[in-house]
Amino acid sequence: MTRHRLPYVVGATAAALLLLLSFAVLGHDNRERYWFGTLQTAPAHAETEHRHGIRVAHLPIYWDRFERTDGRYDPEYIAEVKAALHAFRAAGMRVEAGLGLNNPPQWLFEKHPDAVFVDQNGARSTESPDIVFSQAVRDEAEEYLHRLDQEFGLEGFWAIRAGVSETGEFTYPPPASGDDRETASYWAFGRNAQAAADDPGRATTLPPNPYPGWRPGQHTYEGGTFAPRQVSVWYDWYLAALADAVDWQIGLHRSLGHQGLVKVLVPGAGFLPQDHREAVGKHLDPTAAARLMGRGAGFFKTIGWIEHRDDVQIVSTALVDGTGTPRDNACRPEDDTVPVDGGDDTVRNWSSVRWVSRIARAGGFPLAGESAGPQVAAYHPGVMDDAVRQMRTCGLEGMMWAFDRNLYDGTPGSSLQDYAHVIGRSEGGRTP
């Protein structure tokens, strides 16, 4: 697939030099230490957390608050973000930013009615804007990110998060039913996703839909039989579009001077190669098995299709998510003998992070993790030790704890003291 690249910015400002120094401090270059952070970090906690060994703060920025109306930026919100940045940096923290493409302002959909994902049944999703298929959305997002850069300087962030879904992760939106166990939604039926080859509405880096008008579950196309191999071609196009949207973000961040990490957020384990083969054989019947197909959660394919490698980190957002048997929730040296695109059913017993780690290593990506959060799997005494065990055995460079507030609200096993304890015991570097 041909992709058009935005030019990279060459050279280093003072902020970029500081960023490179921070890599050495945190072990990005020498690979000798882990780093630890929290999600949705409160600026008021920065100094205390730094004293306890936490070195990374997460700063979510919200597009709908930054640009409440088209082309008009909220000075109070900008000042709030700048104050948070100052607090984090004054405390010695490195800042990981979410840039808010998954928090679109309402005016975007009013200005561009085709800025939404549409599924095969005509259901529309406005939880996140269609940065996959819509060039108009990408153009608006680029203007927004240029303004963010003017206000905050993207070159000064230690890391930037990239994704597509409403949570900013590497999937399409959830199904219109709201439940992955029900009928799947395939979000490729808006005007731009179905556009002809010469239509300027489709994102310019994407090839056109190979079979416009075909819908999952159909066994015919234009009066003839639609074979499983054609279903596979269509579905590979659908998956590759997700990777293209992430590549577009990475290229844009680099063009704006960001030279730090870009984190691609991977939720759960997704579906397995054997699920993919079964679903394609059933013509992607939306009521069939592997309903995660609609979300594009074929990480064994999509991670390897991300073209950028330097300083792009795959992040499993599913540490201690309750998946995997007690025996199989950490990684093992022999994992690398399991083929990523094979049919080894033993991986169904693996934890999410174990499978995603195997895929990322096969693609040559560095790895990190985030705990899944107590709303996914209840935290308990020792949960941080379990997360660190997964981090160490799976070769992760560090982890973010979800959420900062859980260090203070009495959540079992998740106090600031618990975190400081596991950080202290992890000093000295990762295991071989």
Protein backbone atom coordinates (compact mmCIF):
# COMPACT_ATOMS: atom_id res chain seq x y z
CA MET A 1 0.00 0.00 0.00
CA THR A 2 1.48 3.37 -1.02
CA ARG A 3 1.42 6.02 1.67
CA HIS A 4 2.24 9.71 1.30
CA ARG A 5 4.56 10.97 4.01
CA LEU A 6 4.63 14.35 5.64
CA PRO A 7 8.17 15.79 5.81
CA TYR A 8 10.10 15.21 9.00
CA VAL A 9 11.42 18.18 10.92
CA VAL A 10 15.20 17.98 11.24
CA GLY A 11 17.16 19.61 14.05
CA ALA A 12 16.70 19.89 17.78
CA THR A 13 15.37 22.77 19.80
CA ALA A 14 16.31 23.20 23.43
CA ALA A 15 13.17 21.32 24.39
CA ALA A 16 14.11 18.44 22.12
CA LEU A 17 17.59 18.29 23.64
CA LEU A 18 16.00 18.13 27.07
CA LEU A 19 13.79 15.32 25.79
CA LEU A 20 16.81 13.35 24.59
CA LEU A 21 18.40 13.80 27.99
CA SER A 22 15.24 12.47 29.61
CA PHE A 23 15.56 9.28 27.55
CA ALA A 24 18.96 8.67 29.09
CA VAL A 25 17.63 9.41 32.57
CA LEU A 26 14.70 7.05 32.13
CA GLY A 27 16.69 4.36 30.37
CA HIS A 28 15.15 4.66 26.92
CA ASP A 29 18.57 4.51 25.31
CA ASN A 30 20.54 2.28 27.64
CA ARG A 31 17.65 -0.10 28.41
CA GLU A 32 18.88 -0.46 31.99
CA ARG A 33 15.89 0.75 33.97
CA TYR A 34 12.13 0.58 33.98
CA TRP A 35 9.98 3.67 34.11
CA PHE A 36 6.70 4.05 36.01
CA GLY A 37 3.84 6.49 35.64
CA THR A 38 0.14 6.99 36.25
CA LEU A 39 -2.79 7.66 33.96
CA GLN A 40 -4.80 10.87 34.31
CA THR A 41 -2.14 12.26 36.64
CA ALA A 42 -3.25 15.06 38.97
CA PRO A 43 -0.78 17.97 38.82
CA ALA A 44 -1.14 18.42 42.58
CA HIS A 45 0.34 14.93 43.08
CA ALA A 46 3.40 15.45 40.88
CA GLU A 47 5.99 16.34 43.52
CA THR A 48 4.86 13.64 45.93
CA GLU A 49 4.81 10.98 43.24
CA HIS A 50 8.24 11.96 41.96
CA ARG A 51 9.62 11.49 45.47
CA HIS A 52 8.12 7.99 45.46
CA GLY A 53 9.86 6.99 42.22
CA ILE A 54 7.11 7.78 39.69
CA ARG A 55 8.69 9.55 36.74
CA VAL A 56 5.99 9.80 34.04
CA ALA A 57 2.85 11.93 34.17
CA HIS A 58 -0.05 11.51 31.77
CA LEU A 59 -1.66 14.70 30.46
CA PRO A 60 -4.89 14.19 28.49
CA ILE A 61 -5.76 17.14 26.23
CA TYR A 62 -9.34 17.42 24.99
CA TRP A 63 -10.10 18.74 21.51
CA ASP A 64 -13.69 19.58 22.46
CA ARG A 65 -12.46 21.81 25.29
CA PHE A 66 -9.53 23.33 23.40
CA GLU A 67 -11.57 24.31 20.31
CA ARG A 68 -15.16 24.65 21.50
CA THR A 69 -16.18 26.36 18.26
CA ASP A 70 -14.56 26.13 14.85
CA GLY A 71 -11.32 28.12 14.84
CA ARG A 72 -11.86 29.64 18.29
CA TYR A 73 -9.66 28.39 21.12
CA ASP A 74 -10.50 28.54 24.80
CA PRO A 75 -7.89 30.68 26.62
CA GLU A 76 -8.95 29.41 30.04
CA TYR A 77 -8.50 25.79 29.03
CA ILE A 78 -5.15 26.57 27.38
CA ALA A 79 -4.00 28.21 30.61
CA GLU A 80 -5.17 25.15 32.57
CA VAL A 81 -3.12 22.80 30.37
CA LYS A 82 -0.06 25.05 30.58
CA ALA A 83 -0.34 25.12 34.37
CA ALA A 84 -0.47 21.32 34.47
CA LEU A 85 2.56 21.10 32.19
CA HIS A 86 4.46 23.51 34.40
CA ALA A 87 3.58 21.54 37.53
CA PHE A 88 4.72 18.26 36.02
CA ARG A 89 7.98 19.64 34.66
CA ALA A 90 8.76 21.56 37.83
CA ALA A 91 8.43 18.30 39.73
CA GLY A 92 10.89 16.59 37.36
CA MET A 93 8.27 14.46 35.61
CA ARG A 94 8.33 13.47 31.96
CA VAL A 95 5.02 14.14 30.26
CA GLU A 96 3.07 11.71 28.10
CA ALA A 97 0.28 13.47 26.24
CA GLY A 98 -2.99 12.29 24.78
CA LEU A 99 -3.83 14.85 22.11
CA GLY A 100 -7.58 14.40 22.15
CA LEU A 101 -8.43 13.29 18.62
CA ASN A 102 -10.81 10.85 20.32
CA ASN A 103 -12.63 13.77 22.01
CA PRO A 104 -14.07 15.60 18.99
CA PRO A 105 -16.00 18.86 19.31
CA GLN A 106 -19.63 18.78 18.23
CA TRP A 107 -19.08 21.42 15.57
CA LEU A 108 -16.88 18.96 13.64
CA PHE A 109 -19.88 16.73 12.90
CA GLU A 110 -22.09 19.71 12.10
CA LYS A 111 -19.53 21.09 9.66
CA HIS A 112 -18.73 17.68 8.14
CA PRO A 113 -21.76 15.37 8.26
CA ASP A 114 -19.61 12.64 6.71
CA ALA A 115 -17.11 12.85 9.57
CA VAL A 116 -18.68 9.88 11.33
CA PHE A 117 -18.12 6.14 11.09
CA VAL A 118 -21.09 4.31 9.54
CA ASP A 119 -21.64 0.56 9.83
CA GLN A 120 -23.23 -1.91 7.41
CA ASN A 121 -26.68 -1.22 8.85
CA GLY A 122 -26.41 2.56 8.58
CA ALA A 123 -25.72 3.11 12.29
CA ARG A 124 -23.53 6.16 12.93
CA SER A 125 -20.85 6.47 15.60
CA THR A 126 -19.93 9.94 16.85
CA GLU A 127 -17.87 8.70 19.79
CA SER A 128 -14.70 9.34 17.79
CA PRO A 129 -14.27 11.13 14.45
CA ASP A 130 -13.54 9.17 11.31
CA ILE A 131 -9.80 9.81 10.99
CA VAL A 132 -9.53 6.52 9.10
CA PHE A 133 -11.48 7.25 5.91
CA SER A 134 -12.27 10.99 5.93
CA GLN A 135 -9.74 13.44 4.53
CA ALA A 136 -11.83 16.35 5.82
CA VAL A 137 -11.48 15.04 9.38
CA ARG A 138 -7.75 14.62 8.94
CA ASP A 139 -7.47 18.17 7.63
CA GLU A 140 -9.38 19.54 10.64
CA ALA A 141 -7.27 17.42 12.99
CA GLU A 142 -4.09 18.69 11.40
CA GLU A 143 -5.15 22.32 11.95
CA TYR A 144 -5.98 21.50 15.56
CA LEU A 145 -2.62 19.79 16.16
CA HIS A 146 -0.76 22.69 14.58
CA ARG A 147 -2.44 24.99 17.08
CA LEU A 148 -1.63 22.59 19.93
CA ASP A 149 1.99 22.72 18.83
CA GLN A 150 1.95 26.51 18.86
CA GLU A 151 0.57 26.57 22.39
CA PHE A 152 2.43 23.68 24.02
CA GLY A 153 5.28 22.60 21.74
CA LEU A 154 4.90 18.95 20.75
CA GLU A 155 8.69 18.56 20.71
CA GLY A 156 8.69 18.92 24.50
CA PHE A 157 6.55 15.86 25.25
CA TRP A 158 8.33 12.67 26.27
CA ALA A 159 5.62 10.59 24.56
CA ILE A 160 2.44 11.07 22.54
CA ARG A 161 -0.39 8.53 22.41
CA ALA A 162 -1.88 7.39 19.08
CA GLY A 163 -5.07 5.50 18.32
CA VAL A 164 -8.45 5.59 16.61
CA SER A 165 -11.28 4.47 18.91
CA GLU A 166 -13.26 6.50 21.45
CA THR A 167 -10.68 5.52 24.08
CA GLY A 168 -7.78 6.45 21.81
CA GLU A 169 -6.81 2.81 21.20
CA PHE A 170 -5.91 0.80 18.10
CA THR A 171 -9.39 -0.34 17.09
CA TYR A 172 -12.53 0.87 15.39
CA PRO A 173 -15.39 2.08 17.65
CA PRO A 174 -17.47 -0.45 19.58
CA PRO A 175 -20.48 -2.01 17.83
CA ALA A 176 -23.64 0.02 17.52
CA SER A 177 -25.29 -2.43 19.92
CA GLY A 178 -22.75 -1.42 22.56
CA ASP A 179 -21.82 -5.04 23.19
CA ASP A 180 -19.08 -6.97 21.38
CA ARG A 181 -20.98 -10.19 22.13
CA GLU A 182 -23.88 -9.09 19.93
CA THR A 183 -23.97 -8.24 16.24
CA ALA A 184 -20.70 -6.81 14.97
CA SER A 185 -20.47 -3.37 13.38
CA TYR A 186 -18.11 -2.99 10.42
CA TRP A 187 -17.41 0.74 10.26
CA ALA A 188 -16.62 1.07 6.54
CA PHE A 189 -19.95 2.14 5.06
CA GLY A 190 -19.83 5.91 5.21
CA ARG A 191 -19.52 7.90 2.00
CA ASN A 192 -15.75 8.30 2.30
CA ALA A 193 -15.13 4.60 3.02
CA GLN A 194 -17.20 3.66 -0.02
CA ALA A 195 -15.79 6.42 -2.23
CA ALA A 196 -14.55 5.85 -5.76
CA ALA A 197 -10.84 5.97 -6.58
CA ASP A 198 -10.95 9.63 -7.70
CA ASP A 199 -13.10 10.90 -4.81
CA PRO A 200 -11.22 13.58 -2.81
CA GLY A 201 -13.28 12.84 0.30
CA ARG A 202 -11.43 9.62 1.06
CA ALA A 203 -8.19 9.95 3.05
CA THR A 204 -5.47 10.41 0.44
CA THR A 205 -3.18 7.69 1.81
CA LEU A 206 -5.85 5.00 1.48
CA PRO A 207 -6.56 2.87 -1.56
CA PRO A 208 -10.25 2.66 -2.48
CA ASN A 209 -12.55 -0.02 -1.17
CA PRO A 210 -11.80 -3.12 -3.29
CA TYR A 211 -15.48 -4.16 -3.33
CA PRO A 212 -17.67 -1.10 -2.78
CA GLY A 213 -21.20 -2.01 -1.83
CA TRP A 214 -20.38 -5.49 -0.54
CA ARG A 215 -21.59 -6.07 3.03
CA PRO A 216 -20.42 -8.62 5.60
CA GLY A 217 -22.53 -11.76 5.48
CA GLN A 218 -23.27 -11.53 1.75
CA HIS A 219 -22.22 -14.48 -0.44
CA THR A 220 -22.68 -12.68 -3.77
CA TYR A 221 -21.39 -9.49 -5.34
CA GLU A 222 -22.57 -7.78 -8.52
CA GLY A 223 -24.50 -10.86 -9.54
CA GLY A 224 -21.69 -13.36 -9.00
CA THR A 225 -20.37 -15.57 -6.22
CA PHE A 226 -18.25 -13.78 -3.63
CA ALA A 227 -15.53 -16.23 -2.57
CA PRO A 228 -13.81 -16.33 0.84
CA ARG A 229 -10.56 -15.15 -0.80
CA GLN A 230 -12.42 -11.97 -1.84
CA VAL A 231 -13.77 -11.60 1.69
CA SER A 232 -10.16 -11.82 2.91
CA VAL A 233 -9.07 -9.08 0.48
CA TRP A 234 -11.87 -6.80 1.67
CA TYR A 235 -11.11 -7.45 5.32
CA ASP A 236 -7.37 -6.89 4.90
CA TRP A 237 -8.24 -3.51 3.37
CA TYR A 238 -10.43 -2.77 6.41
CA LEU A 239 -7.62 -3.70 8.83
CA ALA A 240 -4.90 -1.91 6.86
CA ALA A 241 -6.95 1.28 7.03
CA LEU A 242 -6.51 1.27 10.81
CA ALA A 243 -2.74 0.96 10.48
CA ASP A 244 -2.77 3.76 7.92
CA ALA A 245 -4.58 6.07 10.36
CA VAL A 246 -1.91 5.42 12.99
CA ASP A 247 0.89 5.96 10.46
CA TRP A 248 -0.74 9.24 9.47
CA GLN A 249 -0.74 10.39 13.09
CA ILE A 250 2.87 9.40 13.61
CA GLY A 251 3.96 11.23 10.47
CA LEU A 252 2.04 14.33 11.51
CA HIS A 253 3.56 14.30 15.00
CA ARG A 254 7.04 14.01 13.54
CA SER A 255 6.37 16.83 11.07
CA LEU A 256 5.50 19.05 14.03
CA GLY A 257 8.83 18.35 15.70
CA HIS A 258 7.98 15.55 18.11
CA GLN A 259 11.04 13.30 18.35
CA GLY A 260 10.05 11.30 21.41
CA LEU A 261 8.06 8.12 21.77
CA VAL A 262 4.77 7.53 20.00
CA LYS A 263 2.68 4.99 21.90
CA VAL A 264 0.19 2.82 20.01
CA LEU A 265 -2.38 1.57 22.51
CA VAL A 266 -3.53 -2.03 22.13
CA PRO A 267 -6.56 -3.13 24.18
CA GLY A 268 -6.94 -6.78 25.11
CA ALA A 269 -5.75 -9.68 22.98
CA GLY A 270 -8.12 -9.23 20.05
CA PHE A 271 -9.09 -12.24 17.99
CA LEU A 272 -6.73 -15.05 17.03
CA PRO A 273 -5.65 -16.23 13.54
CA GLN A 274 -7.96 -19.22 13.73
CA ASP A 275 -10.90 -16.90 14.58
CA HIS A 276 -10.02 -14.86 11.53
CA ARG A 277 -10.03 -17.88 9.25
CA GLU A 278 -13.36 -19.05 10.62
CA ALA A 279 -14.99 -15.62 10.27
CA VAL A 280 -13.73 -15.14 6.70
CA GLY A 281 -15.04 -18.60 5.83
CA LYS A 282 -18.45 -17.42 7.06
CA HIS A 283 -18.21 -14.24 4.96
CA LEU A 284 -17.83 -12.11 8.12
CA ASP A 285 -21.36 -12.94 9.20
CA PRO A 286 -21.91 -10.19 11.83
CA THR A 287 -23.66 -12.65 14.15
CA ALA A 288 -20.90 -15.30 13.89
CA ALA A 289 -17.99 -15.99 16.22
CA ALA A 290 -15.14 -13.51 16.63
CA ARG A 291 -17.32 -10.42 16.76
CA LEU A 292 -14.18 -8.42 17.56
CA MET A 293 -13.65 -8.64 13.79
CA GLY A 294 -15.80 -5.54 13.43
CA ARG A 295 -13.52 -3.60 15.75
CA GLY A 296 -10.51 -4.57 13.64
CA ALA A 297 -8.84 -6.17 16.66
CA GLY A 298 -6.63 -8.41 14.54
CA PHE A 299 -3.45 -7.29 16.24
CA PHE A 300 -1.50 -10.23 14.85
CA LYS A 301 -1.95 -8.49 11.48
CA THR A 302 -2.35 -4.77 12.21
CA ILE A 303 0.66 -4.27 14.50
CA GLY A 304 2.99 -5.59 11.83
CA TRP A 305 1.44 -3.22 9.28
CA ILE A 306 2.49 -0.09 11.16
CA GLU A 307 5.27 1.18 8.93
CA HIS A 308 7.15 3.30 11.44
CA ARG A 309 9.52 1.51 13.81
CA ASP A 310 11.91 4.05 15.39
CA ASP A 311 10.60 5.13 18.78
CA VAL A 312 7.12 3.72 18.15
CA GLN A 313 6.13 1.69 21.18
CA ILE A 314 3.36 -0.90 21.34
CA VAL A 315 1.50 -0.54 24.63
CA SER A 316 -0.69 -3.31 26.00
CA THR A 317 -3.44 -1.56 27.95
CA ALA A 318 -4.38 -4.87 29.57
CA LEU A 319 -1.89 -5.55 32.36
CA VAL A 320 -3.64 -7.50 35.15
CA ASP A 321 -6.91 -7.58 33.21
CA GLY A 322 -7.81 -11.00 34.57
CA THR A 323 -7.09 -12.91 31.36
CA GLY A 324 -4.90 -15.98 31.21
CA THR A 325 -4.70 -18.83 33.64
CA PRO A 326 -2.45 -18.26 36.68
CA ARG A 327 0.16 -20.38 34.90
CA ASP A 328 -0.11 -18.49 31.60
CA ASN A 329 -0.63 -14.82 32.45
CA ALA A 330 3.10 -13.96 32.37
CA CYS A 331 5.46 -14.42 29.42
CA ARG A 332 7.91 -17.26 28.91
CA PRO A 333 11.11 -17.51 26.83
CA GLU A 334 9.56 -20.16 24.59
CA ASP A 335 6.74 -17.80 23.55
CA ASP A 336 8.80 -16.66 20.57
CA THR A 337 8.50 -20.12 19.03
CA VAL A 338 4.73 -19.71 18.72
CA PRO A 339 3.91 -18.41 15.21
CA VAL A 340 2.05 -15.11 15.24
CA ASP A 341 -0.12 -16.06 12.27
CA GLY A 342 -0.52 -19.73 13.16
CA GLY A 343 -3.29 -21.72 14.74
CA ASP A 344 -1.77 -22.71 18.08
CA ASP A 345 -4.86 -22.84 20.28
CA THR A 346 -2.80 -22.85 23.49
CA VAL A 347 -2.55 -19.07 23.21
CA ARG A 348 -6.23 -18.88 24.20
CA ASN A 349 -5.00 -19.57 27.72
CA TRP A 350 -2.50 -16.71 27.56
CA SER A 351 -3.12 -13.31 29.07
CA SER A 352 -3.73 -10.37 26.76
CA VAL A 353 -0.33 -8.84 27.43
CA ARG A 354 1.44 -12.14 26.75
CA TRP A 355 -0.10 -12.43 23.26
CA VAL A 356 0.35 -8.76 22.36
CA SER A 357 3.96 -8.91 23.55
CA ARG A 358 4.61 -11.87 21.26
CA ILE A 359 3.15 -9.97 18.30
CA ALA A 360 5.07 -6.77 19.03
CA ARG A 361 8.39 -8.58 19.40
CA ALA A 362 7.78 -10.29 16.06
CA GLY A 363 7.33 -6.84 14.53
CA GLY A 364 10.48 -5.43 16.10
CA PHE A 365 8.66 -2.92 18.33
CA PRO A 366 9.61 -1.88 21.85
CA LEU A 367 6.92 -2.60 24.45
CA ALA A 368 5.26 -1.02 27.45
CA GLY A 369 2.09 -1.61 29.42
CA GLU A 370 -0.81 -0.06 31.27
CA SER A 371 -2.91 -1.68 33.95
CA ALA A 372 -6.45 -2.31 32.80
CA GLY A 373 -8.09 -0.36 35.63
CA PRO A 374 -10.23 -1.59 38.54
CA GLN A 375 -13.41 -1.31 36.48
CA VAL A 376 -12.09 -4.10 34.20
CA ALA A 377 -10.67 -6.47 36.82
CA ALA A 378 -11.03 -5.63 40.50
CA TYR A 379 -7.73 -4.68 42.10
CA HIS A 380 -6.61 -6.65 45.12
CA PRO A 381 -3.65 -6.78 47.51
CA GLY A 382 -0.63 -7.78 45.45
CA VAL A 383 -2.10 -6.63 42.12
CA MET A 384 0.88 -4.34 41.48
CA ASP A 385 3.29 -7.21 42.05
CA ASP A 386 1.33 -9.19 39.45
CA ALA A 387 1.62 -6.28 36.99
CA VAL A 388 5.36 -5.97 37.56
CA ARG A 389 5.77 -9.71 37.00
CA GLN A 390 4.05 -9.36 33.64
CA MET A 391 6.16 -6.30 32.86
CA ARG A 392 9.46 -8.03 33.64
CA THR A 393 8.74 -11.38 31.97
CA CYS A 394 7.23 -9.83 28.83
CA GLY A 395 10.12 -7.42 28.26
CA LEU A 396 8.15 -4.21 28.79
CA GLU A 397 10.18 -1.05 29.26
CA GLY A 398 7.81 0.38 31.83
CA MET A 399 4.20 0.75 32.84
CA MET A 400 1.49 3.28 33.56
CA TRP A 401 -0.89 2.63 36.44
CA ALA A 402 -4.62 3.18 35.95
CA PHE A 403 -5.50 5.42 37.55
CA ASP A 404 -3.71 8.17 39.44
CA ARG A 405 -6.74 8.67 41.69
CA ASN A 406 -6.64 5.00 42.71
CA LEU A 407 -3.37 5.65 44.53
CA TYR A 408 -5.31 7.78 47.02
CA ASP A 409 -8.91 6.54 47.17
CA GLY A 410 -8.43 3.31 49.12
CA THR A 411 -8.54 0.95 46.13
CA PRO A 412 -7.13 -2.39 47.39
CA GLY A 413 -3.50 -3.02 46.45
CA SER A 414 -3.24 0.28 44.62
CA SER A 415 -1.95 2.84 47.11
CA LEU A 416 0.94 5.22 46.56
CA GLN A 417 2.89 3.20 49.12
CA ASP A 418 2.16 -0.02 47.20
CA TYR A 419 3.43 1.58 44.01
CA ALA A 420 6.54 2.98 45.68
CA HIS A 421 7.26 -0.49 47.07
CA VAL A 422 7.14 -2.27 43.69
CA ILE A 423 9.12 0.56 42.07
CA GLY A 424 11.83 0.26 44.69
CA ARG A 425 12.04 -3.49 44.20
CA SER A 426 12.26 -3.04 40.43
CA GLU A 427 15.29 -0.73 40.51
CA GLY A 428 18.30 -2.16 38.76
CA GLY A 429 16.79 -3.09 35.44
CA ARG A 430 14.80 -5.77 33.71
CA THR A 431 15.49 -9.45 33.99
CA PRO A 432 17.26 -11.14 31.06
